[in-house]
Amino acid sequence: MRSTAARGRIATIAVLVATVAAFTACGTTSGDGFLTPIGSGGGSNGDTVAPTVVSTNPANGASSVPRNATISVTFSENLDSASVTNTAFSLDNGVTGTIVVNGAIATLTPSPGLPASSVVTGTLSTAIKDRAGNSLAAPVVFQFVTAP
């Protein structure tokens, strides 16, 4: 019968052998093709599909949007947050603000707020990219009307 220490060494060796086998199956010992860090560009995963806009909030054509509303856009895939700037995700009428990207959702919080009783046009440029570096295929424009 083996001692507890011997069984522990055997278990450790088994884990190491399994890890080496997994890396070898991926064709690398560095782990580059095995694990993709969270938030990485993913370039090696073969993603060549451009992100698309799934929805906007407020929706295109909405009316009576509160002047303190945040503007959010949901995309078809996670974004490269560095690509979503006030130039790439813009509102007209001099509206600017802070943009936060959380996965596939970009939210603009206007500062100081939206203008009263105005048509506001939002533009999403092709500078916006997914985490693999694919840009929007074409600019997207949406509009809404603010409350008095």
Protein backbone atom coordinates (compact mmCIF):
# COMPACT_ATOMS: atom_id res chain seq x y z
CA MET A 1 0.00 0.00 0.00
CA ARG A 2 1.30 3.47 -0.89
CA SER A 3 1.74 6.20 1.68
CA THR A 4 -0.31 9.39 1.62
CA ALA A 5 2.75 11.33 0.44
CA ALA A 6 3.29 8.90 -2.46
CA ARG A 7 -0.36 9.16 -3.52
CA GLY A 8 -0.05 12.98 -3.42
CA ARG A 9 3.04 12.90 -5.67
CA ILE A 10 1.29 10.59 -8.12
CA ALA A 11 -1.75 12.92 -8.26
CA THR A 12 0.52 15.93 -8.88
CA ILE A 13 2.34 14.12 -11.66
CA ALA A 14 -1.00 13.15 -13.24
CA VAL A 15 -2.12 16.79 -13.27
CA LEU A 16 1.16 17.91 -14.85
CA VAL A 17 0.94 15.20 -17.52
CA ALA A 18 -2.66 16.25 -18.33
CA THR A 19 -1.63 19.92 -18.59
CA VAL A 20 1.29 19.16 -20.91
CA ALA A 21 -1.01 16.96 -23.03
CA ALA A 22 -3.55 19.78 -23.33
CA PHE A 23 -0.90 22.29 -24.42
CA THR A 24 0.58 19.78 -26.87
CA ALA A 25 -2.85 19.14 -28.40
CA CYS A 26 -3.10 22.88 -29.08
CA GLY A 27 0.23 22.80 -30.90
CA THR A 28 2.00 25.05 -28.43
CA THR A 29 3.68 24.82 -25.07
CA SER A 30 3.26 28.52 -24.33
CA GLY A 31 -0.52 28.28 -23.97
CA ASP A 32 -1.13 31.01 -26.59
CA GLY A 33 -3.63 28.90 -28.54
CA PHE A 34 -5.10 27.30 -25.45
CA LEU A 35 -6.31 30.20 -23.34
CA THR A 36 -7.56 33.59 -24.49
CA PRO A 37 -7.24 36.26 -21.82
CA ILE A 38 -10.46 38.03 -20.89
CA GLY A 39 -10.78 41.22 -22.88
CA SER A 40 -8.14 40.26 -25.41
CA GLY A 41 -8.43 41.07 -29.08
CA GLY A 42 -8.87 37.40 -29.85
CA GLY A 43 -7.18 37.85 -33.25
CA SER A 44 -6.08 34.22 -33.35
CA ASN A 45 -9.66 32.98 -33.07
CA GLY A 46 -10.39 33.76 -36.73
CA ASP A 47 -13.18 36.30 -36.07
CA THR A 48 -13.60 38.31 -39.27
CA VAL A 49 -17.25 39.26 -38.76
CA ALA A 50 -17.98 42.97 -38.33
CA PRO A 51 -20.08 43.94 -35.32
CA THR A 52 -23.60 45.20 -36.00
CA VAL A 53 -26.00 47.37 -34.04
CA VAL A 54 -28.74 45.28 -32.44
CA SER A 55 -30.65 48.13 -30.79
CA THR A 56 -30.47 51.66 -29.47
CA ASN A 57 -32.06 53.10 -26.35
CA PRO A 58 -33.86 55.35 -26.89
CA ALA A 59 -35.07 53.59 -29.99
CA ASN A 60 -34.76 55.24 -33.38
CA GLY A 61 -37.75 57.58 -33.76
CA ALA A 62 -38.57 57.75 -30.02
CA SER A 63 -40.20 60.92 -28.72
CA SER A 64 -40.45 62.68 -25.37
CA VAL A 65 -37.08 61.25 -24.28
CA PRO A 66 -36.23 62.63 -20.82
CA ARG A 67 -33.45 65.22 -20.86
CA ASN A 68 -31.51 63.22 -18.26
CA ALA A 69 -31.66 59.95 -20.24
CA THR A 70 -28.56 57.91 -20.99
CA ILE A 71 -28.07 56.74 -24.56
CA SER A 72 -27.10 53.11 -25.00
CA VAL A 73 -26.32 50.98 -28.01
CA THR A 74 -26.30 47.19 -27.99
CA PHE A 75 -23.97 45.54 -30.50
CA SER A 76 -23.88 41.97 -31.81
CA GLU A 77 -20.61 41.24 -30.01
CA ASN A 78 -18.27 42.60 -27.36
CA LEU A 79 -16.46 45.80 -28.26
CA ASP A 80 -12.92 47.08 -28.01
CA SER A 81 -13.70 49.78 -25.45
CA ALA A 82 -10.80 51.95 -26.61
CA SER A 83 -12.48 52.32 -30.02
CA VAL A 84 -15.71 53.78 -28.60
CA THR A 85 -14.82 57.45 -28.23
CA ASN A 86 -16.91 60.65 -28.31
CA THR A 87 -15.91 60.93 -31.96
CA ALA A 88 -16.96 57.35 -32.82
CA PHE A 89 -20.20 57.47 -30.75
CA SER A 90 -21.48 61.01 -31.14
CA LEU A 91 -24.65 63.01 -30.68
CA ASP A 92 -25.34 66.30 -32.46
CA ASN A 93 -26.58 69.56 -30.89
CA GLY A 94 -23.29 69.85 -29.02
CA VAL A 95 -24.13 66.93 -26.75
CA THR A 96 -21.09 65.18 -25.26
CA GLY A 97 -20.62 63.03 -22.23
CA THR A 98 -18.98 60.02 -20.70
CA ILE A 99 -19.00 56.70 -22.54
CA VAL A 100 -18.78 53.38 -20.73
CA VAL A 101 -18.47 50.07 -22.58
CA ASN A 102 -19.62 46.89 -20.86
CA GLY A 103 -19.18 43.94 -23.21
CA ALA A 104 -21.49 44.54 -26.17
CA ILE A 105 -23.21 47.63 -24.72
CA ALA A 106 -21.89 51.19 -25.06
CA THR A 107 -23.61 53.79 -22.88
CA LEU A 108 -23.22 57.55 -23.25
CA THR A 109 -24.22 59.67 -20.26
CA PRO A 110 -24.73 63.21 -21.58
CA SER A 111 -23.23 66.04 -19.59
CA PRO A 112 -24.81 68.40 -18.71
CA GLY A 113 -27.89 66.79 -20.33
CA LEU A 114 -29.91 66.60 -23.51
CA PRO A 115 -31.35 69.80 -25.02
CA ALA A 116 -35.09 70.43 -24.53
CA SER A 117 -37.59 69.79 -27.34
CA SER A 118 -34.93 68.85 -29.86
CA VAL A 119 -34.30 66.25 -32.49
CA VAL A 120 -31.05 64.55 -31.50
CA THR A 121 -29.13 62.50 -34.04
CA GLY A 122 -26.72 59.83 -32.89
CA THR A 123 -23.96 58.58 -35.16
CA LEU A 124 -21.88 55.44 -34.71
CA SER A 125 -18.83 55.50 -36.95
CA THR A 126 -16.79 52.73 -38.49
CA ALA A 127 -14.06 53.52 -35.95
CA ILE A 128 -15.99 51.31 -33.50
CA LYS A 129 -14.41 47.85 -33.40
CA ASP A 130 -15.06 44.48 -31.81
CA ARG A 131 -12.40 42.82 -29.67
CA ALA A 132 -10.94 41.06 -32.72
CA GLY A 133 -10.39 44.41 -34.45
CA ASN A 134 -13.30 44.24 -36.92
CA SER A 135 -14.92 47.64 -37.58
CA LEU A 136 -18.60 48.41 -38.11
CA ALA A 137 -19.17 47.84 -41.83
CA ALA A 138 -20.93 51.21 -42.27
CA PRO A 139 -21.87 54.15 -40.05
CA VAL A 140 -25.18 53.82 -38.20
CA VAL A 141 -27.43 56.84 -37.60
CA PHE A 142 -30.44 57.04 -35.25
CA GLN A 143 -32.66 59.90 -34.05
CA PHE A 144 -34.98 60.71 -31.18
CA VAL A 145 -36.85 63.75 -29.88
CA THR A 146 -36.33 65.06 -26.35
CA ALA A 147 -39.00 66.19 -23.92
CA PRO A 148 -39.61 69.91 -23.28
